[in-house]
């Protein structure tokens, strides 16, 4: 009987060891799978994030690539282009709202959200570029001095964007830092260097200059210019509210000393000066 019990005990120990090894193997496999997925997502975030911005810059400078021609009339062309813009706007501005991020965190781990946002934004921006339909109706075209002036403004705006990017050393624009270090994204300190000394949103300002410095104003280009301008204004207002909520009095002080978009011009301070005269 003792020998039988010993055999049962030995069998139980072996079974427990095998079960423990199985769980350890599953844990190791899960970690490796998660690690691989993490690096793939990080690579996609950087590739699509950076790549889509470069392609969009070329799109703004050269004009539509005409990769897809659907043979639509002017009205349907503009409706399709407007729909592409709205899809990008809703995703790009929606996913950064705190309420949306809280809902997403129920299904996606917090360190993954920033990179996922970059990937989806890149896909939608590239989709906009690929499916964009050019209108045959031209309102006006710049020539001679005005043409070269607008081209110069575009390149100055691109240089401004590079300056902005170099000033954002402490930020994580593509969500890869939080992803690779497996930590929740934190709010970086308020950037007060470089172009942020003259404008609170220099990236938006330079984007507006790039958008409006295209010399050929077709119907679809005018639509893009107007929609992107309205979106940037609304996004700036929403972002200002989020920044005040995040940084409190520090950001309110920054608001009082630096204009929102145009250096040297702030509508709130203009109104205050006008009111003080009466």
Protein backbone atom coordinates (compact mmCIF):
# COMPACT_ATOMS: atom_id res chain seq x y z
CA UNK A 1 0.00 0.00 0.00
CA UNK A 2 2.80 2.38 0.88
CA UNK A 3 4.40 1.72 -2.51
CA UNK A 4 1.11 2.42 -4.29
CA UNK A 5 0.67 5.66 -2.36
CA UNK A 6 4.23 6.66 -3.20
CA UNK A 7 3.56 6.03 -6.87
CA UNK A 8 0.38 8.14 -6.68
CA UNK A 9 2.26 10.91 -4.91
CA UNK A 10 5.04 10.80 -7.48
CA UNK A 11 2.52 10.89 -10.32
CA UNK A 12 0.78 13.86 -8.70
CA UNK A 13 4.05 15.71 -8.32
CA UNK A 14 4.92 15.05 -11.96
CA UNK A 15 1.50 16.22 -13.07
CA UNK A 16 1.83 19.38 -10.99
CA UNK A 17 5.26 20.04 -12.40
CA UNK A 18 4.00 19.54 -15.94
CA UNK A 19 1.06 21.86 -15.30
CA UNK A 20 3.39 24.45 -13.82
CA UNK A 21 5.72 24.17 -16.79
CA UNK A 22 2.74 24.50 -19.13
CA UNK A 23 1.59 27.69 -17.44
CA UNK A 24 5.13 29.07 -17.50
CA UNK A 25 5.39 28.25 -21.20
CA UNK A 26 2.04 29.93 -21.91
CA UNK A 27 3.15 33.00 -19.98
CA UNK A 28 6.45 33.12 -21.87
CA UNK A 29 4.67 32.64 -25.21
CA UNK A 30 2.19 35.42 -24.34
CA UNK A 31 5.00 37.78 -23.43
CA UNK A 32 6.86 37.01 -26.65
CA UNK A 33 3.71 37.44 -28.72
CA UNK A 34 2.93 40.72 -26.98
CA UNK A 35 6.52 41.85 -27.51
CA UNK A 36 6.37 41.08 -31.22
CA UNK A 37 3.01 42.86 -31.54
CA UNK A 38 4.43 45.84 -29.68
CA UNK A 39 7.38 46.23 -32.05
CA UNK A 40 5.16 45.74 -35.11
CA UNK A 41 2.73 48.41 -33.88
CA UNK A 42 5.61 50.79 -33.09
CA UNK A 43 7.08 50.29 -36.58
CA UNK A 44 3.67 50.85 -38.19
CA UNK A 45 3.10 53.96 -36.09
CA UNK A 46 6.36 55.58 -37.16
CA UNK A 47 6.11 54.43 -40.79
CA UNK A 48 2.50 55.50 -41.32
CA UNK A 49 2.80 58.60 -39.13
CA UNK A 50 5.92 60.00 -40.74
CA UNK A 51 5.14 58.63 -44.21
CA UNK A 52 1.62 60.07 -44.37
CA UNK A 53 2.87 63.52 -43.29
CA UNK A 54 5.57 63.52 -45.98
CA UNK A 55 3.10 62.43 -48.65
CA UNK A 56 0.57 65.02 -47.47
CA UNK A 57 3.23 67.73 -47.73
CA UNK A 58 3.88 66.70 -51.33
CA UNK A 59 0.12 66.64 -51.94
CA UNK A 60 -0.18 70.21 -50.71
CA UNK A 61 2.75 71.36 -52.85
CA UNK A 62 2.15 69.45 -56.08
CA UNK A 63 -1.61 69.11 -55.95
CA UNK A 64 -3.78 65.99 -56.39
CA UNK A 65 -1.91 62.88 -57.54
CA UNK A 66 -4.95 61.70 -59.56
CA UNK A 67 -4.39 58.08 -58.54
CA UNK A 68 -8.08 57.24 -58.81
CA UNK A 69 -10.47 58.72 -61.36
CA UNK A 70 -14.15 58.04 -60.75
CA UNK A 71 -15.48 60.24 -63.55
CA UNK A 72 -17.74 62.25 -61.23
CA UNK A 73 -19.30 65.59 -61.98
CA UNK A 74 -18.25 68.66 -60.00
CA UNK A 75 -20.92 68.32 -57.33
CA UNK A 76 -20.22 64.64 -56.63
CA UNK A 77 -16.48 65.27 -56.75
CA UNK A 78 -16.74 67.92 -54.04
CA UNK A 79 -19.10 65.75 -51.95
CA UNK A 80 -16.63 62.85 -52.04
CA UNK A 81 -13.70 65.12 -51.18
CA UNK A 82 -15.67 66.67 -48.32
CA UNK A 83 -16.52 63.20 -46.99
CA UNK A 84 -12.85 62.19 -47.04
CA UNK A 85 -11.96 65.34 -45.10
CA UNK A 86 -14.71 64.79 -42.52
CA UNK A 87 -13.66 61.18 -41.93
CA UNK A 88 -10.10 62.32 -41.22
CA UNK A 89 -11.24 65.24 -39.04
CA UNK A 90 -13.59 63.15 -36.89
CA UNK A 91 -10.97 60.47 -36.25
CA UNK A 92 -8.05 62.83 -35.76
CA UNK A 93 -9.85 65.13 -33.33
CA UNK A 94 -12.10 62.50 -31.78
CA UNK A 95 -9.51 59.97 -30.65
CA UNK A 96 -7.53 62.59 -28.69
CA UNK A 97 -10.54 63.63 -26.58
CA UNK A 98 -10.30 62.33 -23.03
CA UNK A 99 -13.80 60.85 -23.06
CA UNK A 100 -13.03 58.82 -26.20
CA UNK A 101 -9.69 57.67 -24.79
CA UNK A 102 -11.40 56.46 -21.62
CA UNK A 103 -13.81 54.41 -23.70
CA UNK A 104 -11.02 53.02 -25.85
CA UNK A 105 -9.07 52.00 -22.74
CA UNK A 106 -11.79 49.43 -22.03
CA UNK A 107 -10.71 47.51 -25.11
CA UNK A 108 -7.13 48.67 -25.75
CA UNK A 109 -4.42 48.91 -23.12
CA UNK A 110 -3.50 52.52 -22.40
CA UNK A 111 0.14 52.27 -23.65
CA UNK A 112 -1.16 51.09 -27.05
CA UNK A 113 -3.67 53.91 -27.66
CA UNK A 114 -1.19 56.57 -28.80
CA UNK A 115 0.43 54.30 -31.38
CA UNK A 116 -2.96 53.01 -32.56
CA UNK A 117 -4.07 56.63 -32.99
CA UNK A 118 -1.00 57.35 -35.13
CA UNK A 119 -1.63 54.28 -37.31
CA UNK A 120 -5.32 55.04 -37.91
CA UNK A 121 -4.57 58.73 -38.59
CA UNK A 122 -1.89 57.77 -41.11
CA UNK A 123 -4.20 55.33 -42.89
CA UNK A 124 -7.04 57.85 -43.15
CA UNK A 125 -4.74 60.64 -44.35
CA UNK A 126 -3.27 58.40 -47.04
CA UNK A 127 -6.79 57.30 -48.01
CA UNK A 128 -7.76 60.95 -48.41
CA UNK A 129 -4.77 61.54 -50.70
CA UNK A 130 -5.31 58.41 -52.80
CA UNK A 131 -9.07 58.90 -53.28
CA UNK A 132 -9.00 62.68 -53.68
CA UNK A 133 -10.77 63.83 -56.84
CA UNK A 134 -9.55 66.91 -58.70
CA UNK A 135 -12.07 69.39 -60.07
CA UNK A 136 -11.69 70.71 -63.59
CA UNK A 137 -13.08 74.08 -62.53
CA UNK A 138 -10.28 76.59 -61.80
CA UNK A 139 -11.10 79.82 -60.00
CA UNK A 140 -7.71 81.50 -60.31
CA UNK A 141 -4.02 80.78 -60.88
CA UNK A 142 -1.03 82.74 -59.64
CA UNK A 143 1.70 83.63 -62.12
CA UNK A 144 5.07 85.36 -62.12
CA UNK A 145 5.96 87.15 -58.90
CA UNK A 146 2.86 85.91 -57.05
CA UNK A 147 3.56 82.31 -58.05
CA UNK A 148 7.11 82.39 -56.71
CA UNK A 149 6.04 84.29 -53.61
CA UNK A 150 3.52 81.58 -52.76
CA UNK A 151 6.13 78.88 -53.34
CA UNK A 152 8.52 80.73 -51.03
CA UNK A 153 5.83 80.92 -48.35
CA UNK A 154 5.30 77.17 -48.65
CA UNK A 155 8.98 76.36 -48.12
CA UNK A 156 9.18 78.81 -45.21
CA UNK A 157 6.19 77.04 -43.66
CA UNK A 158 7.89 73.65 -44.12
CA UNK A 159 11.02 75.05 -42.45
CA UNK A 160 8.77 76.32 -39.64
CA UNK A 161 7.30 72.84 -39.18
CA UNK A 162 10.78 71.35 -38.91
CA UNK A 163 11.61 73.98 -36.29
CA UNK A 164 8.46 73.04 -34.38
CA UNK A 165 9.34 69.34 -34.47
CA UNK A 166 12.85 70.02 -33.19
CA UNK A 167 11.34 72.04 -30.33
CA UNK A 168 9.08 69.14 -29.26
CA UNK A 169 11.85 67.03 -27.76
CA UNK A 170 9.88 65.97 -24.68
CA UNK A 171 6.74 64.81 -26.52
CA UNK A 172 5.76 61.41 -27.89
CA UNK A 173 3.96 62.29 -31.18
CA UNK A 174 3.59 58.71 -32.43
CA UNK A 175 2.96 57.01 -29.07
CA UNK A 176 6.00 54.76 -29.42
CA UNK A 177 7.71 55.78 -26.18
CA UNK A 178 4.72 54.80 -24.04
CA UNK A 179 4.25 51.66 -26.12
CA UNK A 180 7.83 50.36 -25.96
CA UNK A 181 8.21 51.16 -22.26
CA UNK A 182 4.75 49.74 -21.46
CA UNK A 183 3.57 52.74 -19.49
CA UNK A 184 0.64 55.10 -19.61
CA UNK A 185 1.37 58.30 -21.52
CA UNK A 186 2.07 61.27 -19.29
CA UNK A 187 1.53 64.96 -19.97
CA UNK A 188 4.86 66.56 -20.97
CA UNK A 189 5.78 69.99 -19.60
CA UNK A 190 4.50 73.04 -21.46
CA UNK A 191 6.87 73.77 -24.35
CA UNK A 192 8.16 77.35 -24.12
CA UNK A 193 11.12 77.17 -26.51
CA UNK A 194 11.54 77.81 -30.21
CA UNK A 195 8.43 78.96 -32.10
CA UNK A 196 6.29 78.36 -28.99
CA UNK A 197 7.61 81.66 -27.66
CA UNK A 198 5.59 83.50 -30.33
CA UNK A 199 2.63 81.18 -31.01
CA UNK A 200 0.89 78.63 -28.82
CA UNK A 201 0.08 76.48 -31.87
CA UNK A 202 2.84 77.05 -34.45
CA UNK A 203 2.22 73.67 -36.07
CA UNK A 204 -1.32 74.72 -36.95
CA UNK A 205 -0.09 78.12 -38.16
CA UNK A 206 2.50 76.63 -40.52
CA UNK A 207 -0.04 74.08 -41.78
CA UNK A 208 -2.41 76.91 -42.70
CA UNK A 209 0.38 78.65 -44.60
CA UNK A 210 1.16 75.44 -46.49
CA UNK A 211 -2.50 74.91 -47.36
CA UNK A 212 -3.16 78.42 -48.68
CA UNK A 213 0.12 78.88 -50.59
CA UNK A 214 -0.87 76.63 -53.49
CA UNK A 215 -0.91 78.79 -56.66
CA UNK A 216 -3.78 77.08 -58.54
CA UNK A 217 -7.10 77.54 -56.79
CA UNK A 218 -9.43 74.90 -58.22
CA UNK A 219 -12.86 74.14 -56.75
CA UNK A 220 -11.58 71.05 -54.89
CA UNK A 221 -8.54 72.94 -53.58
CA UNK A 222 -10.71 75.77 -52.28
CA UNK A 223 -12.89 73.17 -50.55
CA UNK A 224 -9.83 71.55 -48.95
CA UNK A 225 -8.48 74.94 -47.84
CA UNK A 226 -11.76 76.02 -46.25
CA UNK A 227 -12.50 72.69 -44.54
CA UNK A 228 -8.97 72.31 -43.15
CA UNK A 229 -8.96 75.91 -41.95
CA UNK A 230 -12.27 75.47 -40.12
CA UNK A 231 -11.08 72.17 -38.66
CA UNK A 232 -7.82 73.71 -37.42
CA UNK A 233 -9.70 76.57 -35.74
CA UNK A 234 -12.14 74.20 -34.01
CA UNK A 235 -9.31 71.81 -33.05
CA UNK A 236 -7.34 74.69 -31.56
CA UNK A 237 -10.27 75.76 -29.40
CA UNK A 238 -10.89 72.19 -28.18
CA UNK A 239 -7.20 71.65 -27.54
CA UNK A 240 -6.98 74.88 -25.55
CA UNK A 241 -9.73 73.61 -23.25
CA UNK A 242 -7.91 70.32 -22.72
CA UNK A 243 -4.63 72.09 -22.03
CA UNK A 244 -6.23 74.39 -19.44
CA UNK A 245 -7.77 71.34 -17.76
CA UNK A 246 -4.40 69.56 -17.75
CA UNK A 247 -2.03 72.39 -16.77
CA UNK A 248 -4.34 74.81 -14.97
CA UNK A 249 -2.95 78.24 -14.06
CA UNK A 250 0.39 77.56 -15.76
CA UNK A 251 -1.32 77.34 -19.13
CA UNK A 252 -3.59 80.31 -18.38
CA UNK A 253 -0.44 82.37 -17.80
CA UNK A 254 0.94 81.08 -21.11
CA UNK A 255 -2.32 82.10 -22.80
CA UNK A 256 -1.99 85.64 -21.47
CA UNK A 257 1.57 86.08 -22.73
CA UNK A 258 1.65 84.25 -26.09
CA UNK A 259 -0.92 84.56 -28.94
CA UNK A 260 -2.89 81.47 -29.95
CA UNK A 261 -1.93 81.31 -33.64
CA UNK A 262 -0.66 84.50 -35.27
CA UNK A 263 2.43 86.01 -33.56
CA UNK A 264 1.64 89.45 -32.17
CA UNK A 265 -2.12 88.99 -32.55
CA UNK A 266 -4.53 87.65 -29.95
CA UNK A 267 -8.27 88.45 -30.33
CA UNK A 268 -8.82 88.35 -26.56
CA UNK A 269 -6.12 90.93 -25.89
CA UNK A 270 -7.38 93.05 -28.78
CA UNK A 271 -10.86 93.09 -27.25
CA UNK A 272 -9.43 93.99 -23.84
CA UNK A 273 -7.48 96.92 -25.29
CA UNK A 274 -10.59 98.12 -27.14
CA UNK A 275 -12.69 97.88 -23.99
CA UNK A 276 -10.11 99.75 -21.94
CA UNK A 277 -10.40 102.77 -24.25
CA UNK A 278 -14.06 103.38 -23.35
